[in-house]
Amino acid sequence: MVEIANQQADCRVDEQRICQAVRDILREEKIAAGEVSVAIVDDPTIQALNARHLGHDYPTDVISFLLDRRGDYLEGEVVVSIDTARAVAAELAWPAEDELLLYVVHGTLHLVGYGDDSDAARERMRRRERLHLAPFGLEPPWDENSA
């Protein structure tokens, strides 16, 4: 099950598309049961979470919290910043809603075990992001600092 908590009203968000992306990743990774919640927040909110849970006192694009993982069961949370998505999307000249979906995909990939803490892991993450964005007709205009 995927739940969306859209805590902003400034930007259009296609909740159905977000749910589909999360479900697709879970299915691809053989997760048969569980729950993922996706929270869409502003920069001050994600900055507070980043400081409290990771010790980084600045806003970020996405934070993932794996709450439980046993076999094919997964429970987790993905928190994404609409403010960061809008700012980065403007720099990259693509829609904020698509940048936000990239963050959701990236965060969900973290939940299922993908990392980005080395060049090899980052490239593997990028390949998975492309795979999961392609069904939505998206090819992200990456720069190495996004997601």
N, C-alpha and C. Protein backbone atom coordinates (compact mmCIF):
# COMPACT_ATOMS: atom_id res chain seq x y z
N MET A 1 0.84 -1.17 0.00
CA MET A 1 0.00 0.00 0.00
C MET A 1 0.89 1.24 0.00
N VAL A 2 0.47 2.24 -0.75
CA VAL A 2 1.19 3.50 -0.82
C VAL A 2 0.24 4.61 -0.36
N GLU A 3 0.72 5.42 0.56
CA GLU A 3 -0.07 6.56 1.04
C GLU A 3 0.68 7.84 0.75
N ILE A 4 -0.05 8.87 0.33
CA ILE A 4 0.53 10.18 0.03
C ILE A 4 0.01 11.19 1.05
N ALA A 5 0.93 11.96 1.63
CA ALA A 5 0.58 13.09 2.50
C ALA A 5 1.12 14.34 1.82
N ASN A 6 0.26 15.01 1.07
CA ASN A 6 0.66 16.21 0.33
C ASN A 6 0.44 17.41 1.23
N GLN A 7 1.52 17.92 1.82
CA GLN A 7 1.41 18.99 2.80
C GLN A 7 1.65 20.37 2.20
N GLN A 8 1.38 20.51 0.91
CA GLN A 8 1.55 21.80 0.24
C GLN A 8 0.43 21.96 -0.79
N ALA A 9 0.20 23.19 -1.22
CA ALA A 9 -0.85 23.44 -2.21
C ALA A 9 -0.36 24.31 -3.36
N ASP A 10 0.94 24.61 -3.39
CA ASP A 10 1.47 25.52 -4.39
C ASP A 10 1.77 24.89 -5.73
N CYS A 11 1.97 23.59 -5.75
CA CYS A 11 2.41 22.90 -6.96
C CYS A 11 1.50 21.71 -7.22
N ARG A 12 1.11 21.54 -8.47
CA ARG A 12 0.30 20.39 -8.85
C ARG A 12 1.10 19.11 -8.61
N VAL A 13 0.47 18.12 -8.01
CA VAL A 13 1.11 16.84 -7.75
C VAL A 13 0.17 15.74 -8.25
N ASP A 14 0.70 14.88 -9.11
CA ASP A 14 -0.07 13.74 -9.62
C ASP A 14 0.15 12.57 -8.66
N GLU A 15 -0.73 12.46 -7.68
CA GLU A 15 -0.58 11.43 -6.65
C GLU A 15 -0.68 10.03 -7.23
N GLN A 16 -1.51 9.85 -8.24
CA GLN A 16 -1.64 8.54 -8.87
C GLN A 16 -0.32 8.10 -9.51
N ARG A 17 0.36 9.04 -10.15
CA ARG A 17 1.65 8.74 -10.79
C ARG A 17 2.70 8.38 -9.74
N ILE A 18 2.71 9.10 -8.62
CA ILE A 18 3.63 8.80 -7.54
C ILE A 18 3.38 7.40 -6.99
N CYS A 19 2.12 7.09 -6.72
CA CYS A 19 1.78 5.75 -6.21
C CYS A 19 2.20 4.67 -7.19
N GLN A 20 1.97 4.90 -8.48
CA GLN A 20 2.34 3.90 -9.48
C GLN A 20 3.85 3.68 -9.51
N ALA A 21 4.63 4.76 -9.43
CA ALA A 21 6.09 4.64 -9.45
C ALA A 21 6.57 3.82 -8.25
N VAL A 22 6.04 4.10 -7.08
CA VAL A 22 6.44 3.35 -5.87
C VAL A 22 6.04 1.88 -6.02
N ARG A 23 4.82 1.62 -6.45
CA ARG A 23 4.37 0.23 -6.63
C ARG A 23 5.23 -0.51 -7.64
N ASP A 24 5.60 0.16 -8.73
CA ASP A 24 6.44 -0.47 -9.75
C ASP A 24 7.80 -0.88 -9.19
N ILE A 25 8.39 0.01 -8.39
CA ILE A 25 9.69 -0.31 -7.78
C ILE A 25 9.55 -1.49 -6.82
N LEU A 26 8.54 -1.47 -5.99
CA LEU A 26 8.34 -2.56 -5.03
C LEU A 26 8.13 -3.89 -5.76
N ARG A 27 7.34 -3.87 -6.82
CA ARG A 27 7.10 -5.10 -7.59
C ARG A 27 8.40 -5.59 -8.22
N GLU A 28 9.16 -4.68 -8.83
CA GLU A 28 10.43 -5.03 -9.48
C GLU A 28 11.41 -5.65 -8.48
N GLU A 29 11.37 -5.17 -7.24
CA GLU A 29 12.29 -5.64 -6.21
C GLU A 29 11.70 -6.79 -5.38
N LYS A 30 10.58 -7.34 -5.85
CA LYS A 30 9.97 -8.53 -5.21
C LYS A 30 9.46 -8.26 -3.79
N ILE A 31 8.97 -7.05 -3.57
CA ILE A 31 8.33 -6.71 -2.29
C ILE A 31 6.85 -6.99 -2.45
N ALA A 32 6.35 -7.99 -1.75
CA ALA A 32 4.97 -8.44 -1.93
C ALA A 32 3.98 -7.76 -0.99
N ALA A 33 4.48 -7.25 0.14
CA ALA A 33 3.58 -6.67 1.13
C ALA A 33 4.29 -5.54 1.86
N GLY A 34 3.49 -4.68 2.47
CA GLY A 34 4.04 -3.60 3.27
C GLY A 34 3.36 -2.29 3.00
N GLU A 35 4.01 -1.23 3.43
CA GLU A 35 3.44 0.10 3.29
C GLU A 35 4.55 1.12 3.11
N VAL A 36 4.36 2.00 2.14
CA VAL A 36 5.28 3.12 1.94
C VAL A 36 4.44 4.39 1.98
N SER A 37 4.85 5.32 2.82
CA SER A 37 4.18 6.62 2.82
C SER A 37 5.12 7.63 2.17
N VAL A 38 4.53 8.52 1.41
CA VAL A 38 5.27 9.59 0.74
C VAL A 38 4.72 10.91 1.25
N ALA A 39 5.60 11.72 1.85
CA ALA A 39 5.21 13.03 2.34
C ALA A 39 5.83 14.10 1.45
N ILE A 40 5.00 15.01 0.98
CA ILE A 40 5.47 16.12 0.16
C ILE A 40 5.43 17.36 1.05
N VAL A 41 6.62 17.89 1.34
CA VAL A 41 6.75 18.96 2.33
C VAL A 41 7.52 20.15 1.74
N ASP A 42 7.65 21.19 2.54
CA ASP A 42 8.43 22.36 2.13
C ASP A 42 9.86 22.25 2.67
N ASP A 43 10.72 23.19 2.26
CA ASP A 43 12.12 23.15 2.70
C ASP A 43 12.30 23.24 4.21
N PRO A 44 11.57 24.14 4.91
CA PRO A 44 11.77 24.19 6.37
C PRO A 44 11.45 22.86 7.06
N THR A 45 10.43 22.16 6.58
CA THR A 45 10.06 20.89 7.17
C THR A 45 11.12 19.83 6.92
N ILE A 46 11.60 19.72 5.67
CA ILE A 46 12.61 18.70 5.38
C ILE A 46 13.94 19.06 6.04
N GLN A 47 14.22 20.36 6.20
CA GLN A 47 15.44 20.76 6.89
C GLN A 47 15.39 20.32 8.36
N ALA A 48 14.24 20.48 8.99
CA ALA A 48 14.10 20.06 10.38
C ALA A 48 14.28 18.54 10.51
N LEU A 49 13.71 17.78 9.58
CA LEU A 49 13.88 16.32 9.61
C LEU A 49 15.33 15.94 9.36
N ASN A 50 15.97 16.62 8.41
CA ASN A 50 17.36 16.35 8.07
C ASN A 50 18.26 16.61 9.29
N ALA A 51 18.00 17.71 9.99
CA ALA A 51 18.80 18.04 11.17
C ALA A 51 18.55 17.04 12.30
N ARG A 52 17.29 16.73 12.55
CA ARG A 52 16.93 15.85 13.66
C ARG A 52 17.42 14.42 13.45
N HIS A 53 17.26 13.89 12.24
CA HIS A 53 17.54 12.47 12.02
C HIS A 53 18.91 12.18 11.42
N LEU A 54 19.47 13.14 10.68
CA LEU A 54 20.74 12.89 10.01
C LEU A 54 21.85 13.83 10.44
N GLY A 55 21.52 14.83 11.27
CA GLY A 55 22.52 15.77 11.74
C GLY A 55 22.98 16.77 10.69
N HIS A 56 22.19 16.96 9.63
CA HIS A 56 22.51 17.92 8.56
C HIS A 56 21.52 19.07 8.63
N ASP A 57 21.97 20.24 9.03
CA ASP A 57 21.06 21.37 9.23
C ASP A 57 20.91 22.20 7.95
N TYR A 58 20.33 21.57 6.93
CA TYR A 58 20.04 22.25 5.67
C TYR A 58 18.93 21.47 4.96
N PRO A 59 18.21 22.15 4.07
CA PRO A 59 17.19 21.44 3.31
C PRO A 59 17.83 20.48 2.31
N THR A 60 17.09 19.47 1.94
CA THR A 60 17.56 18.49 0.96
C THR A 60 16.40 18.11 0.07
N ASP A 61 16.67 17.30 -0.94
CA ASP A 61 15.61 16.92 -1.88
C ASP A 61 14.73 15.79 -1.36
N VAL A 62 15.35 14.75 -0.79
CA VAL A 62 14.60 13.58 -0.35
C VAL A 62 15.31 12.91 0.82
N ILE A 63 14.50 12.41 1.74
CA ILE A 63 14.99 11.60 2.85
C ILE A 63 14.12 10.35 2.91
N SER A 64 14.77 9.21 3.08
CA SER A 64 14.04 7.94 3.20
C SER A 64 14.27 7.35 4.58
N PHE A 65 13.22 6.77 5.12
CA PHE A 65 13.29 6.10 6.41
C PHE A 65 12.79 4.68 6.24
N LEU A 66 13.68 3.71 6.34
CA LEU A 66 13.28 2.31 6.30
C LEU A 66 12.87 1.92 7.72
N LEU A 67 11.61 1.58 7.88
CA LEU A 67 11.08 1.28 9.21
C LEU A 67 11.11 -0.22 9.51
N ASP A 68 10.90 -1.04 8.48
CA ASP A 68 10.89 -2.49 8.68
C ASP A 68 11.14 -3.17 7.35
N ARG A 69 11.97 -4.18 7.37
CA ARG A 69 12.21 -4.99 6.16
C ARG A 69 12.46 -6.42 6.60
N ARG A 70 11.54 -7.31 6.24
CA ARG A 70 11.66 -8.72 6.54
C ARG A 70 11.25 -9.49 5.29
N GLY A 71 12.23 -10.11 4.63
CA GLY A 71 11.93 -10.87 3.43
C GLY A 71 11.28 -10.02 2.37
N ASP A 72 10.05 -10.37 1.98
CA ASP A 72 9.35 -9.62 0.94
C ASP A 72 8.38 -8.58 1.51
N TYR A 73 8.60 -8.21 2.78
CA TYR A 73 7.79 -7.18 3.45
C TYR A 73 8.66 -5.94 3.67
N LEU A 74 8.08 -4.78 3.37
CA LEU A 74 8.82 -3.53 3.56
C LEU A 74 7.86 -2.46 4.08
N GLU A 75 8.35 -1.70 5.05
CA GLU A 75 7.61 -0.55 5.54
C GLU A 75 8.58 0.62 5.59
N GLY A 76 8.20 1.73 4.99
CA GLY A 76 9.09 2.87 4.99
C GLY A 76 8.39 4.18 4.66
N GLU A 77 9.16 5.24 4.79
CA GLU A 77 8.67 6.59 4.51
C GLU A 77 9.65 7.29 3.57
N VAL A 78 9.09 8.03 2.63
CA VAL A 78 9.88 8.87 1.74
C VAL A 78 9.35 10.29 1.90
N VAL A 79 10.24 11.21 2.23
CA VAL A 79 9.87 12.61 2.40
C VAL A 79 10.58 13.41 1.32
N VAL A 80 9.81 14.18 0.54
CA VAL A 80 10.38 14.96 -0.56
C VAL A 80 10.03 16.43 -0.41
N SER A 81 10.95 17.28 -0.86
CA SER A 81 10.74 18.73 -0.76
C SER A 81 10.24 19.31 -2.08
N ILE A 82 9.05 19.87 -2.04
CA ILE A 82 8.51 20.54 -3.22
C ILE A 82 9.30 21.81 -3.53
N ASP A 83 9.79 22.50 -2.50
CA ASP A 83 10.56 23.73 -2.73
C ASP A 83 11.86 23.42 -3.48
N THR A 84 12.56 22.38 -3.05
CA THR A 84 13.79 21.99 -3.73
C THR A 84 13.48 21.52 -5.14
N ALA A 85 12.41 20.75 -5.31
CA ALA A 85 12.03 20.28 -6.64
C ALA A 85 11.78 21.45 -7.59
N ARG A 86 11.08 22.47 -7.11
CA ARG A 86 10.81 23.64 -7.97
C ARG A 86 12.10 24.36 -8.33
N ALA A 87 12.98 24.54 -7.38
CA ALA A 87 14.24 25.26 -7.64
C ALA A 87 15.13 24.50 -8.61
N VAL A 88 15.30 23.20 -8.39
CA VAL A 88 16.16 22.39 -9.26
C VAL A 88 15.54 22.27 -10.65
N ALA A 89 14.23 22.07 -10.70
CA ALA A 89 13.55 21.95 -12.00
C ALA A 89 13.73 23.21 -12.83
N ALA A 90 13.68 24.36 -12.19
CA ALA A 90 13.89 25.62 -12.92
C ALA A 90 15.30 25.68 -13.50
N GLU A 91 16.28 25.24 -12.73
CA GLU A 91 17.67 25.22 -13.21
C GLU A 91 17.86 24.25 -14.37
N LEU A 92 17.16 23.11 -14.32
CA LEU A 92 17.32 22.07 -15.33
C LEU A 92 16.33 22.19 -16.49
N ALA A 93 15.41 23.15 -16.39
CA ALA A 93 14.42 23.41 -17.43
C ALA A 93 13.54 22.18 -17.71
N TRP A 94 13.02 21.62 -16.63
CA TRP A 94 12.00 20.58 -16.77
C TRP A 94 10.99 20.75 -15.66
N PRO A 95 9.80 20.16 -15.76
CA PRO A 95 8.73 20.43 -14.80
C PRO A 95 9.06 20.01 -13.37
N ALA A 96 8.63 20.83 -12.42
CA ALA A 96 8.82 20.53 -11.00
C ALA A 96 8.16 19.22 -10.62
N GLU A 97 7.03 18.93 -11.22
CA GLU A 97 6.33 17.68 -10.91
C GLU A 97 7.17 16.47 -11.33
N ASP A 98 7.93 16.61 -12.42
CA ASP A 98 8.80 15.51 -12.85
C ASP A 98 10.02 15.39 -11.94
N GLU A 99 10.56 16.51 -11.49
CA GLU A 99 11.67 16.49 -10.55
C GLU A 99 11.22 15.84 -9.24
N LEU A 100 10.02 16.17 -8.80
CA LEU A 100 9.47 15.57 -7.58
C LEU A 100 9.33 14.06 -7.74
N LEU A 101 8.86 13.61 -8.90
CA LEU A 101 8.74 12.17 -9.13
C LEU A 101 10.12 11.50 -9.08
N LEU A 102 11.13 12.16 -9.64
CA LEU A 102 12.50 11.65 -9.55
C LEU A 102 12.90 11.46 -8.09
N TYR A 103 12.57 12.42 -7.23
CA TYR A 103 12.92 12.31 -5.81
C TYR A 103 12.20 11.12 -5.16
N VAL A 104 10.93 10.92 -5.52
CA VAL A 104 10.18 9.79 -4.97
C VAL A 104 10.81 8.47 -5.42
N VAL A 105 11.16 8.37 -6.70
CA VAL A 105 11.82 7.17 -7.21
C VAL A 105 13.14 6.96 -6.49
N HIS A 106 13.94 8.00 -6.38
CA HIS A 106 15.24 7.91 -5.71
C HIS A 106 15.07 7.44 -4.26
N GLY A 107 14.15 8.06 -3.54
CA GLY A 107 13.93 7.69 -2.15
C GLY A 107 13.43 6.27 -1.98
N THR A 108 12.56 5.83 -2.88
CA THR A 108 12.04 4.47 -2.82
C THR A 108 13.15 3.47 -3.14
N LEU A 109 14.01 3.81 -4.08
CA LEU A 109 15.15 2.93 -4.37
C LEU A 109 16.06 2.79 -3.15
N HIS A 110 16.22 3.87 -2.39
CA HIS A 110 16.98 3.75 -1.13
C HIS A 110 16.29 2.76 -0.19
N LEU A 111 14.96 2.83 -0.09
CA LEU A 111 14.24 1.92 0.80
C LEU A 111 14.48 0.46 0.45
N VAL A 112 14.59 0.16 -0.84
CA VAL A 112 14.75 -1.24 -1.24
C VAL A 112 16.21 -1.67 -1.32
N GLY A 113 17.13 -0.76 -0.95
CA GLY A 113 18.51 -1.17 -0.80
C GLY A 113 19.54 -0.55 -1.71
N TYR A 114 19.14 0.33 -2.61
CA TYR A 114 20.12 0.97 -3.49
C TYR A 114 20.76 2.15 -2.76
N GLY A 115 22.05 2.31 -2.97
CA GLY A 115 22.79 3.41 -2.36
C GLY A 115 23.32 4.35 -3.42
N ASP A 116 23.98 5.39 -2.97
CA ASP A 116 24.61 6.35 -3.88
C ASP A 116 25.85 6.96 -3.24
N ASP A 117 26.53 6.15 -2.41
CA ASP A 117 27.67 6.66 -1.65
C ASP A 117 29.02 6.40 -2.31
N SER A 118 29.01 5.88 -3.53
CA SER A 118 30.24 5.71 -4.31
C SER A 118 29.89 5.96 -5.78
N ASP A 119 30.90 6.14 -6.61
CA ASP A 119 30.64 6.35 -8.03
C ASP A 119 29.89 5.17 -8.64
N ALA A 120 30.30 3.96 -8.32
CA ALA A 120 29.65 2.77 -8.87
C ALA A 120 28.20 2.66 -8.39
N ALA A 121 27.97 2.90 -7.10
CA ALA A 121 26.61 2.84 -6.56
C ALA A 121 25.74 3.94 -7.16
N ARG A 122 26.31 5.12 -7.33
CA ARG A 122 25.57 6.24 -7.90
C ARG A 122 25.15 5.94 -9.34
N GLU A 123 26.04 5.33 -10.12
CA GLU A 123 25.71 4.98 -11.50
C GLU A 123 24.62 3.90 -11.53
N ARG A 124 24.72 2.94 -10.63
CA ARG A 124 23.67 1.91 -10.54
C ARG A 124 22.32 2.55 -10.18
N MET A 125 22.35 3.49 -9.24
CA MET A 125 21.14 4.21 -8.85
C MET A 125 20.57 4.96 -10.05
N ARG A 126 21.41 5.64 -10.79
CA ARG A 126 20.96 6.39 -11.98
C ARG A 126 20.29 5.47 -13.00
N ARG A 127 20.87 4.28 -13.22
CA ARG A 127 20.26 3.32 -14.16
C ARG A 127 18.88 2.91 -13.68
N ARG A 128 18.74 2.64 -12.39
CA ARG A 128 17.44 2.25 -11.83
C ARG A 128 16.44 3.41 -11.93
N GLU A 129 16.91 4.63 -11.66
CA GLU A 129 16.03 5.80 -11.79
C GLU A 129 15.51 5.90 -13.22
N ARG A 130 16.42 5.79 -14.19
CA ARG A 130 16.00 5.86 -15.60
C ARG A 130 14.98 4.77 -15.92
N LEU A 131 15.23 3.55 -15.44
CA LEU A 131 14.33 2.44 -15.68
C LEU A 131 12.93 2.75 -15.16
N HIS A 132 12.85 3.32 -13.96
CA HIS A 132 11.55 3.55 -13.33
C HIS A 132 10.88 4.86 -13.76
N LEU A 133 11.61 5.76 -14.38
CA LEU A 133 11.01 6.97 -14.93
C LEU A 133 10.54 6.78 -16.37
N ALA A 134 11.15 5.85 -17.08
CA ALA A 134 10.83 5.63 -18.50
C ALA A 134 9.36 5.32 -18.76
N PRO A 135 8.68 4.52 -17.93
CA PRO A 135 7.26 4.26 -18.20
C PRO A 135 6.39 5.52 -18.17
N PHE A 136 6.91 6.59 -17.58
CA PHE A 136 6.18 7.86 -17.52
C PHE A 136 6.64 8.81 -18.64
N GLY A 137 7.46 8.29 -19.54
CA GLY A 137 7.96 9.09 -20.66
C GLY A 137 9.01 10.10 -20.24
N LEU A 138 9.71 9.83 -19.14
CA LEU A 138 10.68 10.80 -18.60
C LEU A 138 12.11 10.32 -18.77
N GLU A 139 12.95 11.23 -19.20
CA GLU A 139 14.40 11.05 -19.24
C GLU A 139 14.96 12.28 -18.54
N PRO A 140 15.42 12.13 -17.31
CA PRO A 140 15.83 13.31 -16.54
C PRO A 140 17.05 14.02 -17.11
N PRO A 141 17.05 15.32 -17.06
CA PRO A 141 18.18 16.12 -17.53
C PRO A 141 19.21 16.27 -16.42
N TRP A 142 19.87 15.15 -16.09
CA TRP A 142 20.72 15.10 -14.91
C TRP A 142 21.90 16.01 -14.96
N ASP A 143 22.19 16.49 -13.77
CA ASP A 143 23.51 16.99 -13.47
C ASP A 143 23.90 16.17 -12.25
N GLU A 144 25.15 16.01 -12.01
CA GLU A 144 25.60 15.08 -10.98
C GLU A 144 25.20 15.48 -9.57
N ASN A 145 24.65 16.68 -9.39
CA ASN A 145 24.29 17.10 -8.04
C ASN A 145 22.81 16.89 -7.74
N SER A 146 22.01 16.46 -8.71
CA SER A 146 20.59 16.29 -8.43
C SER A 146 20.34 14.89 -7.89
N ALA A 147 19.26 14.81 -7.10
CA ALA A 147 18.84 13.56 -6.44
C ALA A 147 20.03 12.89 -5.88
